[in-house]
Amino acid sequence: MIDFPAATVVHRRMPKEAFYKRLPLTKVLKEKFISDVDKIFVENSLTRDNLNLTEESEIKEILLLCISLKKQDFDAKIIETIAKHNPHKLIFLLIYEDSRQLAIWHGKLYRTEWIPSSDIELKAEGFSLDEIWDSFIEQIAIGKEQAKAAGELSIDERLAIQEQITKLEKQIQKTETAAWKEQQPKKRFELYQRLQGYKNELEELKNRRVPQSQTTD
């Protein structure tokens, strides 16, 4: 569930036209906006006052934007454009039938997997809106388990490591497939050496993400 206080509830429908008229959309993206998006609601407005926060922050308001979609394989550039050209910090709850997906913009668009509506979860954790925003990045872009294993690394450091890990895992899969298909022993050996190098690098990155106290058993 999305666990926000009742005082933050807005549930105000926003006409689609009000969005795409103010956004710098290409003709193609405008057509996709119209064809892919069904309804848009501002579900919650998180502020220092309605959350009873005592600490000041640079962020003044975080909005939860609920977007009902006509199809699951929508064009993500729609969400990117809304996020990049809106003065507020935005969390996106994307809905398609009984599935839900959370998204957040932090230098790029991060999205969770599509999950059943009953399994969606997001909590406002922190003593300021800045901290709460960071917690949203952790929950959506990094994930619970990885966030817990991150130690004292900053969010940007964790995201950078996560992206490197993802790239390496793809390289490992690609190299394993190539090695399995290779018929020449010399080339196969070279591929296995490269594969081992990728695996060693992956292990080092994963250890960097875990606090030192957890790696020295």
Protein backbone atom coordinates (compact mmCIF):
# COMPACT_ATOMS: atom_id res chain seq x y z
CA MET A 1 0.00 0.00 0.00
CA ILE A 2 0.97 3.64 -0.38
CA ASP A 3 1.16 4.78 3.21
CA PHE A 4 0.66 8.57 3.19
CA PRO A 5 -1.21 10.53 5.88
CA ALA A 6 -4.83 11.45 5.20
CA ALA A 7 -3.95 15.16 5.38
CA THR A 8 -1.95 14.81 2.14
CA VAL A 9 -4.84 13.46 0.05
CA VAL A 10 -5.87 15.64 -2.92
CA HIS A 11 -7.43 13.27 -5.50
CA ARG A 12 -7.91 15.99 -8.09
CA ARG A 13 -8.35 15.02 -11.71
CA MET A 14 -6.20 16.93 -14.20
CA PRO A 15 -7.43 17.20 -17.81
CA LYS A 16 -4.97 15.59 -20.22
CA GLU A 17 -5.19 18.63 -22.42
CA ALA A 18 -3.87 20.81 -19.60
CA PHE A 19 -0.72 18.67 -19.59
CA TYR A 20 0.13 18.25 -23.23
CA LYS A 21 -0.67 21.86 -24.10
CA ARG A 22 1.99 23.08 -21.66
CA LEU A 23 4.61 20.48 -22.52
CA PRO A 24 7.17 20.73 -25.35
CA LEU A 25 5.87 17.66 -27.14
CA THR A 26 6.64 16.58 -30.65
CA LYS A 27 3.66 15.73 -32.79
CA VAL A 28 4.39 12.01 -32.40
CA LEU A 29 4.72 12.21 -28.61
CA LYS A 30 1.54 14.28 -28.34
CA GLU A 31 -0.31 11.58 -30.28
CA LYS A 32 1.11 8.93 -27.95
CA PHE A 33 0.11 11.02 -24.93
CA ILE A 34 -3.46 11.04 -26.21
CA SER A 35 -3.47 7.38 -27.22
CA ASP A 36 -1.56 5.94 -24.22
CA VAL A 37 -2.87 7.98 -21.28
CA ASP A 38 -6.42 7.60 -20.00
CA LYS A 39 -6.72 9.72 -16.83
CA ILE A 40 -4.41 11.81 -14.64
CA PHE A 41 -4.99 12.56 -10.96
CA VAL A 42 -2.98 14.46 -8.39
CA GLU A 43 -3.47 11.97 -5.56
CA ASN A 44 -1.30 13.42 -2.79
CA SER A 45 0.54 16.62 -1.96
CA LEU A 46 3.30 16.19 0.60
CA THR A 47 4.39 19.39 2.34
CA ARG A 48 6.15 20.27 5.54
CA ASP A 49 2.87 21.45 7.09
CA ASN A 50 0.59 18.53 6.27
CA LEU A 51 3.27 16.04 7.31
CA ASN A 52 3.98 17.95 10.55
CA LEU A 53 7.69 18.10 9.80
CA THR A 54 9.94 20.26 11.95
CA GLU A 55 13.01 20.41 9.72
CA GLU A 56 13.40 22.84 6.83
CA SER A 57 14.32 21.57 3.36
CA GLU A 58 15.03 22.81 -0.13
CA ILE A 59 12.08 20.82 -1.45
CA LYS A 60 8.77 22.50 -0.68
CA GLU A 61 6.28 20.00 -2.11
CA ILE A 62 6.20 16.45 -3.47
CA LEU A 63 3.24 15.34 -5.56
CA LEU A 64 2.03 11.83 -6.19
CA LEU A 65 0.69 11.76 -9.73
CA CYS A 66 -1.57 8.85 -10.59
CA ILE A 67 -1.71 8.07 -14.31
CA SER A 68 -4.16 5.54 -15.65
CA LEU A 69 -2.92 4.01 -18.92
CA LYS A 70 -4.72 2.57 -21.90
CA LYS A 71 -1.90 0.10 -22.53
CA GLN A 72 0.96 -1.29 -20.50
CA ASP A 73 3.68 -0.80 -23.12
CA PHE A 74 3.27 2.97 -23.11
CA ASP A 75 5.95 5.40 -24.25
CA ALA A 76 8.00 6.28 -21.14
CA LYS A 77 9.03 9.59 -22.74
CA ILE A 78 5.59 10.84 -21.73
CA ILE A 79 6.50 10.46 -18.05
CA GLU A 80 9.99 11.81 -18.60
CA THR A 81 8.63 14.96 -20.24
CA ILE A 82 6.13 15.59 -17.45
CA ALA A 83 8.84 15.16 -14.80
CA LYS A 84 11.43 17.32 -16.54
CA HIS A 85 9.09 20.24 -17.16
CA ASN A 86 7.24 20.37 -13.85
CA PRO A 87 8.47 22.59 -10.99
CA HIS A 88 7.38 20.04 -8.37
CA LYS A 89 9.08 16.86 -7.31
CA LEU A 90 6.90 14.10 -8.73
CA ILE A 91 6.23 10.48 -7.87
CA PHE A 92 4.31 8.58 -10.54
CA LEU A 93 1.88 5.79 -9.81
CA LEU A 94 1.16 4.16 -13.17
CA ILE A 95 -1.95 2.02 -13.49
CA TYR A 96 -2.89 -0.51 -16.13
CA GLU A 97 -5.83 -2.75 -15.29
CA ASP A 98 -4.86 -4.50 -12.02
CA SER A 99 -1.13 -3.80 -12.33
CA ARG A 100 0.83 -0.93 -10.80
CA GLN A 101 4.24 0.61 -11.40
CA LEU A 102 6.05 3.39 -9.54
CA ALA A 103 8.34 5.84 -11.32
CA ILE A 104 10.60 8.71 -10.30
CA TRP A 105 12.88 11.13 -12.14
CA HIS A 106 16.41 11.56 -10.77
CA GLY A 107 18.65 12.52 -13.67
CA LYS A 108 16.84 9.79 -15.60
CA LEU A 109 13.56 7.94 -15.24
CA TYR A 110 13.57 5.00 -12.84
CA ARG A 111 10.67 2.55 -12.79
CA THR A 112 9.80 -0.46 -10.70
CA GLU A 113 8.54 -3.68 -12.22
CA TRP A 114 4.82 -3.98 -12.91
CA ILE A 115 3.25 -5.62 -9.86
CA PRO A 116 -0.29 -6.48 -8.67
CA SER A 117 -2.13 -3.52 -7.17
CA SER A 118 -2.29 -5.28 -3.78
CA ASP A 119 1.53 -5.48 -3.62
CA ILE A 120 2.34 -1.82 -4.31
CA GLU A 121 4.21 -0.19 -1.45
CA LEU A 122 5.62 3.28 -0.83
CA LYS A 123 6.27 5.04 2.48
CA ALA A 124 7.17 8.63 3.32
CA GLU A 125 10.25 8.12 5.52
CA GLY A 126 12.31 10.99 6.90
CA PHE A 127 12.26 14.13 9.03
CA SER A 128 12.27 16.59 6.13
CA LEU A 129 10.98 16.65 2.57
CA ASP A 130 14.57 16.31 1.35
CA GLU A 131 14.96 13.08 3.34
CA ILE A 132 11.55 11.84 2.22
CA TRP A 133 12.46 12.47 -1.41
CA ASP A 134 15.71 10.53 -0.96
CA SER A 135 13.73 7.69 0.59
CA PHE A 136 11.44 7.63 -2.46
CA ILE A 137 14.49 7.35 -4.72
CA GLU A 138 15.73 4.46 -2.61
CA GLN A 139 12.39 2.65 -2.66
CA ILE A 140 11.76 3.11 -6.39
CA ALA A 141 15.16 3.34 -8.09
CA ILE A 142 17.26 1.19 -5.77
CA GLY A 143 14.89 -1.15 -3.97
CA LYS A 144 14.65 -2.20 -0.35
CA GLU A 145 17.29 -4.92 -0.22
CA GLN A 146 19.91 -2.96 -2.12
CA ALA A 147 19.22 0.15 -0.04
CA LYS A 148 19.74 -1.80 3.18
CA ALA A 149 23.04 -3.17 1.88
CA ALA A 150 24.36 0.20 0.78
CA GLY A 151 26.18 1.30 3.93
CA GLU A 152 27.22 4.95 3.95
CA LEU A 153 27.28 5.40 0.18
CA SER A 154 25.29 8.31 -1.21
CA ILE A 155 22.22 7.69 -3.34
CA ASP A 156 24.05 8.81 -6.49
CA GLU A 157 26.95 6.45 -5.68
CA ARG A 158 24.52 3.57 -5.17
CA LEU A 159 22.73 4.34 -8.42
CA ALA A 160 26.03 4.50 -10.31
CA ILE A 161 27.09 1.12 -8.88
CA GLN A 162 23.68 -0.34 -9.63
CA GLU A 163 23.94 0.74 -13.28
CA GLN A 164 27.43 -0.77 -13.55
CA ILE A 165 26.13 -4.01 -12.04
CA THR A 166 23.27 -4.12 -14.53
CA LYS A 167 25.64 -3.56 -17.45
CA LEU A 168 28.02 -6.25 -16.21
CA GLU A 169 25.22 -8.76 -15.72
CA LYS A 170 24.16 -8.18 -19.33
CA GLN A 171 27.78 -8.56 -20.51
CA ILE A 172 28.11 -11.79 -18.53
CA GLN A 173 24.94 -13.20 -20.07
CA LYS A 174 26.03 -12.17 -23.56
CA THR A 175 29.55 -13.60 -23.12
CA GLU A 176 28.23 -16.87 -21.64
CA THR A 177 25.99 -17.30 -24.69
CA ALA A 178 28.86 -16.52 -27.06
CA ALA A 179 31.21 -18.96 -25.27
CA TRP A 180 28.60 -21.70 -25.37
CA LYS A 181 28.14 -21.24 -29.13
CA GLU A 182 31.85 -20.83 -30.00
CA GLN A 183 33.33 -23.87 -31.76
CA GLN A 184 37.01 -22.87 -31.84
CA PRO A 185 38.81 -23.84 -28.60
CA LYS A 186 41.12 -20.81 -28.60
CA LYS A 187 38.29 -18.30 -29.01
CA ARG A 188 36.18 -20.19 -26.48
CA PHE A 189 39.05 -20.01 -23.96
CA GLU A 190 39.39 -16.26 -24.58
CA LEU A 191 35.69 -15.79 -24.00
CA TYR A 192 35.83 -17.76 -20.74
CA GLN A 193 38.75 -15.60 -19.57
CA ARG A 194 36.77 -12.46 -20.39
CA LEU A 195 33.76 -13.96 -18.62
CA GLN A 196 35.77 -14.60 -15.46
CA GLY A 197 37.02 -11.02 -15.54
CA TYR A 198 33.44 -9.72 -15.74
CA LYS A 199 32.41 -11.97 -12.84
CA ASN A 200 35.32 -10.77 -10.69
CA GLU A 201 34.43 -7.15 -11.46
CA LEU A 202 30.79 -7.83 -10.60
CA GLU A 203 31.75 -9.35 -7.25
CA GLU A 204 33.90 -6.32 -6.43
CA LEU A 205 31.05 -3.95 -7.23
CA LYS A 206 28.62 -5.91 -5.08
CA ASN A 207 31.09 -5.85 -2.20
CA ARG A 208 31.46 -2.08 -2.58
CA ARG A 209 27.73 -1.77 -2.07
CA VAL A 210 27.82 -3.70 1.21
CA PRO A 211 29.13 -2.09 4.43
CA GLN A 212 32.64 -3.22 5.35
CA SER A 213 31.42 -4.73 8.62
CA GLN A 214 29.25 -7.13 6.63
CA THR A 215 32.07 -8.28 4.32
CA THR A 216 34.62 -9.25 6.94
CA ASP A 217 33.07 -12.26 8.62
